[in-house]
Amino acid sequence: MPKVKTRRGAAKRFRKTGSGKLARNRAYSSHILTKKNQKRKRRLRTGTAVDQTNQKAVRKMCPYL
């Protein structure tokens, strides 16, 4: 079998945690921040786990992650 190419855009967006789960950054945190309150912006800074429904697709895009 030939090697599978990694989707480079996905490789930059996702990482694997110590327990093997997939981590991601939250969306909506890069611009138009004036109308978002402090609590919301603080929450956007924290990362989160990839949802169970999307994990299969992410693992397919990043086979060596």
PDB file of N, CA and C in Angstrom:
ATOM      1  N   MET A   1       0.832  -1.194   0.000  1.00  0.00           N
ATOM      2  CA  MET A   1       0.000   0.000   0.000  1.00  0.00           C
ATOM      3  C   MET A   1       0.872   1.251   0.000  1.00  0.00           C
ATOM      4  N   PRO A   2       0.501   2.236  -0.818  1.00  0.00           N
ATOM      5  CA  PRO A   2       1.247   3.491  -0.775  1.00  0.00           C
ATOM      6  C   PRO A   2       0.884   4.292   0.479  1.00  0.00           C
ATOM      7  N   LYS A   3       1.742   5.249   0.799  1.00  0.00           N
ATOM      8  CA  LYS A   3       1.466   6.107   1.943  1.00  0.00           C
ATOM      9  C   LYS A   3       0.274   7.004   1.630  1.00  0.00           C
ATOM     10  N   VAL A   4      -0.491   7.346   2.668  1.00  0.00           N
ATOM     11  CA  VAL A   4      -1.647   8.222   2.521  1.00  0.00           C
ATOM     12  C   VAL A   4      -1.203   9.650   2.796  1.00  0.00           C
ATOM     13  N   LYS A   5      -1.595  10.575   1.928  1.00  0.00           N
ATOM     14  CA  LYS A   5      -1.222  11.973   2.130  1.00  0.00           C
ATOM     15  C   LYS A   5      -2.114  12.613   3.190  1.00  0.00           C
ATOM     16  N   THR A   6      -1.503  13.422   4.018  1.00  0.00           N
ATOM     17  CA  THR A   6      -2.213  14.171   5.046  1.00  0.00           C
ATOM     18  C   THR A   6      -2.751  15.459   4.445  1.00  0.00           C
ATOM     19  N   ARG A   7      -4.004  15.812   4.789  1.00  0.00           N
ATOM     20  CA  ARG A   7      -4.553  17.105   4.386  1.00  0.00           C
ATOM     21  C   ARG A   7      -3.888  18.162   5.251  1.00  0.00           C
ATOM     22  N   ARG A   8      -3.043  18.978   4.645  1.00  0.00           N
ATOM     23  CA  ARG A   8      -2.203  19.892   5.408  1.00  0.00           C
ATOM     24  C   ARG A   8      -3.025  20.934   6.179  1.00  0.00           C
ATOM     25  N   GLY A   9      -4.128  21.376   5.604  1.00  0.00           N
ATOM     26  CA  GLY A   9      -4.971  22.346   6.305  1.00  0.00           C
ATOM     27  C   GLY A   9      -5.541  21.770   7.580  1.00  0.00           C
ATOM     28  N   ALA A  10      -5.934  20.494   7.532  1.00  0.00           N
ATOM     29  CA  ALA A  10      -6.484  19.834   8.714  1.00  0.00           C
ATOM     30  C   ALA A  10      -5.385  19.565   9.735  1.00  0.00           C
ATOM     31  N   ALA A  11      -4.186  19.241   9.273  1.00  0.00           N
ATOM     32  CA  ALA A  11      -3.075  18.949  10.178  1.00  0.00           C
ATOM     33  C   ALA A  11      -2.710  20.179  11.015  1.00  0.00           C
ATOM     34  N   LYS A  12      -2.929  21.376  10.456  1.00  0.00           N
ATOM     35  CA  LYS A  12      -2.623  22.599  11.180  1.00  0.00           C
ATOM     36  C   LYS A  12      -3.716  22.963  12.184  1.00  0.00           C
ATOM     37  N   ARG A  13      -4.902  22.407  12.018  1.00  0.00           N
ATOM     38  CA  ARG A  13      -6.039  22.771  12.857  1.00  0.00           C
ATOM     39  C   ARG A  13      -6.304  21.811  14.004  1.00  0.00           C
ATOM     40  N   PHE A  14      -5.865  20.578  13.890  1.00  0.00           N
ATOM     41  CA  PHE A  14      -6.163  19.574  14.902  1.00  0.00           C
ATOM     42  C   PHE A  14      -4.881  19.011  15.496  1.00  0.00           C
ATOM     43  N   ARG A  15      -4.967  18.573  16.747  1.00  0.00           N
ATOM     44  CA  ARG A  15      -3.844  17.906  17.399  1.00  0.00           C
ATOM     45  C   ARG A  15      -4.391  16.809  18.300  1.00  0.00           C
ATOM     46  N   LYS A  16      -3.548  15.880  18.636  1.00  0.00           N
ATOM     47  CA  LYS A  16      -3.959  14.777  19.478  1.00  0.00           C
ATOM     48  C   LYS A  16      -3.590  15.072  20.931  1.00  0.00           C
ATOM     49  N   THR A  17      -4.507  14.762  21.851  1.00  0.00           N
ATOM     50  CA  THR A  17      -4.242  14.967  23.271  1.00  0.00           C
ATOM     51  C   THR A  17      -3.494  13.758  23.817  1.00  0.00           C
ATOM     52  N   GLY A  18      -3.090  13.844  25.062  1.00  0.00           N
ATOM     53  CA  GLY A  18      -2.365  12.753  25.695  1.00  0.00           C
ATOM     54  C   GLY A  18      -3.176  11.477  25.791  1.00  0.00           C
ATOM     55  N   SER A  19      -4.501  11.618  25.919  1.00  0.00           N
ATOM     56  CA  SER A  19      -5.358  10.440  26.038  1.00  0.00           C
ATOM     57  C   SER A  19      -5.809   9.899  24.687  1.00  0.00           C
ATOM     58  N   GLY A  20      -5.367  10.552  23.589  1.00  0.00           N
ATOM     59  CA  GLY A  20      -5.700  10.061  22.254  1.00  0.00           C
ATOM     60  C   GLY A  20      -6.886  10.742  21.606  1.00  0.00           C
ATOM     61  N   LYS A  21      -7.522  11.673  22.316  1.00  0.00           N
ATOM     62  CA  LYS A  21      -8.636  12.405  21.722  1.00  0.00           C
ATOM     63  C   LYS A  21      -8.095  13.468  20.771  1.00  0.00           C
ATOM     64  N   LEU A  22      -8.979  14.029  19.948  1.00  0.00           N
ATOM     65  CA  LEU A  22      -8.594  15.087  19.024  1.00  0.00           C
ATOM     66  C   LEU A  22      -9.016  16.430  19.590  1.00  0.00           C
ATOM     67  N   ALA A  23      -8.110  17.395  19.556  1.00  0.00           N
ATOM     68  CA  ALA A  23      -8.385  18.728  20.080  1.00  0.00           C
ATOM     69  C   ALA A  23      -8.440  19.721  18.934  1.00  0.00           C
ATOM     70  N   ARG A  24      -9.186  20.794  19.144  1.00  0.00           N
ATOM     71  CA  ARG A  24      -9.319  21.849  18.140  1.00  0.00           C
ATOM     72  C   ARG A  24      -9.476  23.179  18.838  1.00  0.00           C
ATOM     73  N   ASN A  25      -9.263  24.262  18.086  1.00  0.00           N
ATOM     74  CA  ASN A  25      -9.528  25.600  18.592  1.00  0.00           C
ATOM     75  C   ASN A  25     -10.952  25.981  18.232  1.00  0.00           C
ATOM     76  N   ARG A  26     -11.503  26.929  18.960  1.00  0.00           N
ATOM     77  CA  ARG A  26     -12.861  27.372  18.682  1.00  0.00           C
ATOM     78  C   ARG A  26     -12.894  28.389  17.543  1.00  0.00           C
ATOM     79  N   ALA A  27     -14.007  28.437  16.853  1.00  0.00           N
ATOM     80  CA  ALA A  27     -14.201  29.377  15.755  1.00  0.00           C
ATOM     81  C   ALA A  27     -14.711  30.716  16.295  1.00  0.00           C
ATOM     82  N   TYR A  28     -14.775  31.711  15.421  1.00  0.00           N
ATOM     83  CA  TYR A  28     -15.353  33.040  15.702  1.00  0.00           C
ATOM     84  C   TYR A  28     -14.517  33.869  16.677  1.00  0.00           C
ATOM     85  N   SER A  29     -13.206  33.682  16.695  1.00  0.00           N
ATOM     86  CA  SER A  29     -12.402  34.432  17.655  1.00  0.00           C
ATOM     87  C   SER A  29     -11.371  35.346  17.000  1.00  0.00           C
ATOM     88  N   SER A  30     -11.443  35.549  15.686  1.00  0.00           N
ATOM     89  CA  SER A  30     -10.377  36.285  15.022  1.00  0.00           C
ATOM     90  C   SER A  30     -10.701  37.745  14.706  1.00  0.00           C
ATOM     91  N   HIS A  31     -11.947  38.073  14.453  1.00  0.00           N
ATOM     92  CA  HIS A  31     -12.265  39.475  14.144  1.00  0.00           C
ATOM     93  C   HIS A  31     -13.703  39.778  14.553  1.00  0.00           C
ATOM     94  N   ILE A  32     -14.086  41.056  14.451  1.00  0.00           N
ATOM     95  CA  ILE A  32     -15.369  41.578  14.948  1.00  0.00           C
ATOM     96  C   ILE A  32     -15.522  41.214  16.428  1.00  0.00           C
ATOM     97  N   LEU A  33     -14.508  41.592  17.215  1.00  0.00           N
ATOM     98  CA  LEU A  33     -14.502  41.225  18.631  1.00  0.00           C
ATOM     99  C   LEU A  33     -15.147  42.292  19.512  1.00  0.00           C
ATOM    100  N   THR A  34     -15.445  43.474  18.961  1.00  0.00           N
ATOM    101  CA  THR A  34     -15.971  44.561  19.785  1.00  0.00           C
ATOM    102  C   THR A  34     -17.374  44.254  20.295  1.00  0.00           C
ATOM    103  N   LYS A  35     -18.186  43.569  19.514  1.00  0.00           N
ATOM    104  CA  LYS A  35     -19.557  43.286  19.950  1.00  0.00           C
ATOM    105  C   LYS A  35     -19.669  42.027  20.803  1.00  0.00           C
ATOM    106  N   LYS A  36     -18.567  41.289  20.965  1.00  0.00           N
ATOM    107  CA  LYS A  36     -18.585  40.083  21.805  1.00  0.00           C
ATOM    108  C   LYS A  36     -18.144  40.458  23.221  1.00  0.00           C
ATOM    109  N   ASN A  37     -18.852  39.957  24.219  1.00  0.00           N
ATOM    110  CA  ASN A  37     -18.496  40.325  25.592  1.00  0.00           C
ATOM    111  C   ASN A  37     -17.271  39.551  26.066  1.00  0.00           C
ATOM    112  N   GLN A  38     -16.700  40.000  27.190  1.00  0.00           N
ATOM    113  CA  GLN A  38     -15.452  39.435  27.703  1.00  0.00           C
ATOM    114  C   GLN A  38     -15.572  37.953  28.009  1.00  0.00           C
ATOM    115  N   LYS A  39     -16.692  37.555  28.578  1.00  0.00           N
ATOM    116  CA  LYS A  39     -16.890  36.148  28.935  1.00  0.00           C
ATOM    117  C   LYS A  39     -16.845  35.270  27.689  1.00  0.00           C
ATOM    118  N   ARG A  40     -17.479  35.736  26.625  1.00  0.00           N
ATOM    119  CA  ARG A  40     -17.516  34.984  25.374  1.00  0.00           C
ATOM    120  C   ARG A  40     -16.128  34.890  24.749  1.00  0.00           C
ATOM    121  N   LYS A  41     -15.386  36.009  24.744  1.00  0.00           N
ATOM    122  CA  LYS A  41     -14.041  36.010  24.166  1.00  0.00           C
ATOM    123  C   LYS A  41     -13.085  35.145  24.973  1.00  0.00           C
ATOM    124  N   ARG A  42     -13.241  35.135  26.271  1.00  0.00           N
ATOM    125  CA  ARG A  42     -12.415  34.299  27.139  1.00  0.00           C
ATOM    126  C   ARG A  42     -12.681  32.821  26.864  1.00  0.00           C
ATOM    127  N   ARG A  43     -13.927  32.470  26.657  1.00  0.00           N
ATOM    128  CA  ARG A  43     -14.291  31.084  26.355  1.00  0.00           C
ATOM    129  C   ARG A  43     -13.760  30.659  24.985  1.00  0.00           C
ATOM    130  N   LEU A  44     -13.732  31.592  24.037  1.00  0.00           N
ATOM    131  CA  LEU A  44     -13.231  31.281  22.692  1.00  0.00           C
ATOM    132  C   LEU A  44     -11.730  31.000  22.687  1.00  0.00           C
ATOM    133  N   ARG A  45     -10.996  31.536  23.673  1.00  0.00           N
ATOM    134  CA  ARG A  45      -9.561  31.289  23.754  1.00  0.00           C
ATOM    135  C   ARG A  45      -9.238  29.844  24.113  1.00  0.00           C
ATOM    136  N   THR A  46     -10.132  29.184  24.838  1.00  0.00           N
ATOM    137  CA  THR A  46      -9.867  27.820  25.273  1.00  0.00           C
ATOM    138  C   THR A  46     -10.170  26.844  24.149  1.00  0.00           C
ATOM    139  N   GLY A  47      -9.425  25.782  24.076  1.00  0.00           N
ATOM    140  CA  GLY A  47      -9.676  24.759  23.087  1.00  0.00           C
ATOM    141  C   GLY A  47     -10.759  23.807  23.545  1.00  0.00           C
ATOM    142  N   THR A  48     -11.116  22.870  22.701  1.00  0.00           N
ATOM    143  CA  THR A  48     -12.123  21.876  23.035  1.00  0.00           C
ATOM    144  C   THR A  48     -11.863  20.615  22.236  1.00  0.00           C
ATOM    145  N   ALA A  49     -12.574  19.557  22.558  1.00  0.00           N
ATOM    146  CA  ALA A  49     -12.406  18.286  21.855  1.00  0.00           C
ATOM    147  C   ALA A  49     -13.236  18.280  20.582  1.00  0.00           C
ATOM    148  N   VAL A  50     -12.792  17.525  19.596  1.00  0.00           N
ATOM    149  CA  VAL A  50     -13.566  17.359  18.362  1.00  0.00           C
ATOM    150  C   VAL A  50     -14.765  16.492  18.682  1.00  0.00           C
ATOM    151  N   ASP A  51     -15.930  16.859  18.169  1.00  0.00           N
ATOM    152  CA  ASP A  51     -17.156  16.109  18.425  1.00  0.00           C
ATOM    153  C   ASP A  51     -17.061  14.687  17.873  1.00  0.00           C
ATOM    154  N   GLN A  52     -17.770  13.776  18.515  1.00  0.00           N
ATOM    155  CA  GLN A  52     -17.724  12.363  18.148  1.00  0.00           C
ATOM    156  C   GLN A  52     -18.141  12.141  16.686  1.00  0.00           C
ATOM    157  N   THR A  53     -19.100  12.933  16.200  1.00  0.00           N
ATOM    158  CA  THR A  53     -19.594  12.759  14.835  1.00  0.00           C
ATOM    159  C   THR A  53     -18.570  13.162  13.782  1.00  0.00           C
ATOM    160  N   ASN A  54     -17.597  14.011  14.155  1.00  0.00           N
ATOM    161  CA  ASN A  54     -16.597  14.483  13.203  1.00  0.00           C
ATOM    162  C   ASN A  54     -15.256  13.780  13.329  1.00  0.00           C
ATOM    163  N   GLN A  55     -15.072  12.961  14.353  1.00  0.00           N
ATOM    164  CA  GLN A  55     -13.769  12.347  14.593  1.00  0.00           C
ATOM    165  C   GLN A  55     -13.329  11.435  13.455  1.00  0.00           C
ATOM    166  N   LYS A  56     -14.244  10.678  12.880  1.00  0.00           N
ATOM    167  CA  LYS A  56     -13.889   9.767  11.797  1.00  0.00           C
ATOM    168  C   LYS A  56     -13.350  10.543  10.598  1.00  0.00           C
ATOM    169  N   ALA A  57     -13.990  11.659  10.262  1.00  0.00           N
ATOM    170  CA  ALA A  57     -13.562  12.468   9.126  1.00  0.00           C
ATOM    171  C   ALA A  57     -12.191  13.093   9.383  1.00  0.00           C
ATOM    172  N   VAL A  58     -11.955  13.563  10.595  1.00  0.00           N
ATOM    173  CA  VAL A  58     -10.680  14.195  10.930  1.00  0.00           C
ATOM    174  C   VAL A  58      -9.560  13.169  10.891  1.00  0.00           C
ATOM    175  N   ARG A  59      -9.813  11.984  11.419  1.00  0.00           N
ATOM    176  CA  ARG A  59      -8.785  10.921  11.405  1.00  0.00           C
ATOM    177  C   ARG A  59      -8.468  10.478   9.984  1.00  0.00           C
ATOM    178  N   LYS A  60      -9.451  10.549   9.099  1.00  0.00           N
ATOM    179  CA  LYS A  60      -9.215  10.204   7.684  1.00  0.00           C
ATOM    180  C   LYS A  60      -8.341  11.259   7.008  1.00  0.00           C
ATOM    181  N   MET A  61      -8.568  12.532   7.376  1.00  0.00           N
ATOM    182  CA  MET A  61      -7.779  13.614   6.796  1.00  0.00           C
ATOM    183  C   MET A  61      -6.359  13.633   7.331  1.00  0.00           C
ATOM    184  N   CYS A  62      -6.188  13.203   8.581  1.00  0.00           N
ATOM    185  CA  CYS A  62      -4.869  13.191   9.231  1.00  0.00           C
ATOM    186  C   CYS A  62      -4.555  11.774   9.711  1.00  0.00           C
ATOM    187  N   PRO A  63      -4.170  10.881   8.809  1.00  0.00           N
ATOM    188  CA  PRO A  63      -3.992   9.485   9.210  1.00  0.00           C
ATOM    189  C   PRO A  63      -2.840   9.237  10.168  1.00  0.00           C
ATOM    190  N   TYR A  64      -1.859  10.147  10.217  1.00  0.00           N
ATOM    191  CA  TYR A  64      -0.680   9.921  11.061  1.00  0.00           C
ATOM    192  C   TYR A  64      -0.694  10.831  12.284  1.00  0.00           C
ATOM    193  N   LEU A  65      -1.834  11.450  12.568  1.00  0.00           N
ATOM    194  CA  LEU A  65      -1.946  12.356  13.696  1.00  0.00           C
ATOM    195  C   LEU A  65      -1.991  11.580  14.989  1.00  0.00           C
TER     196      LEU A  65
END
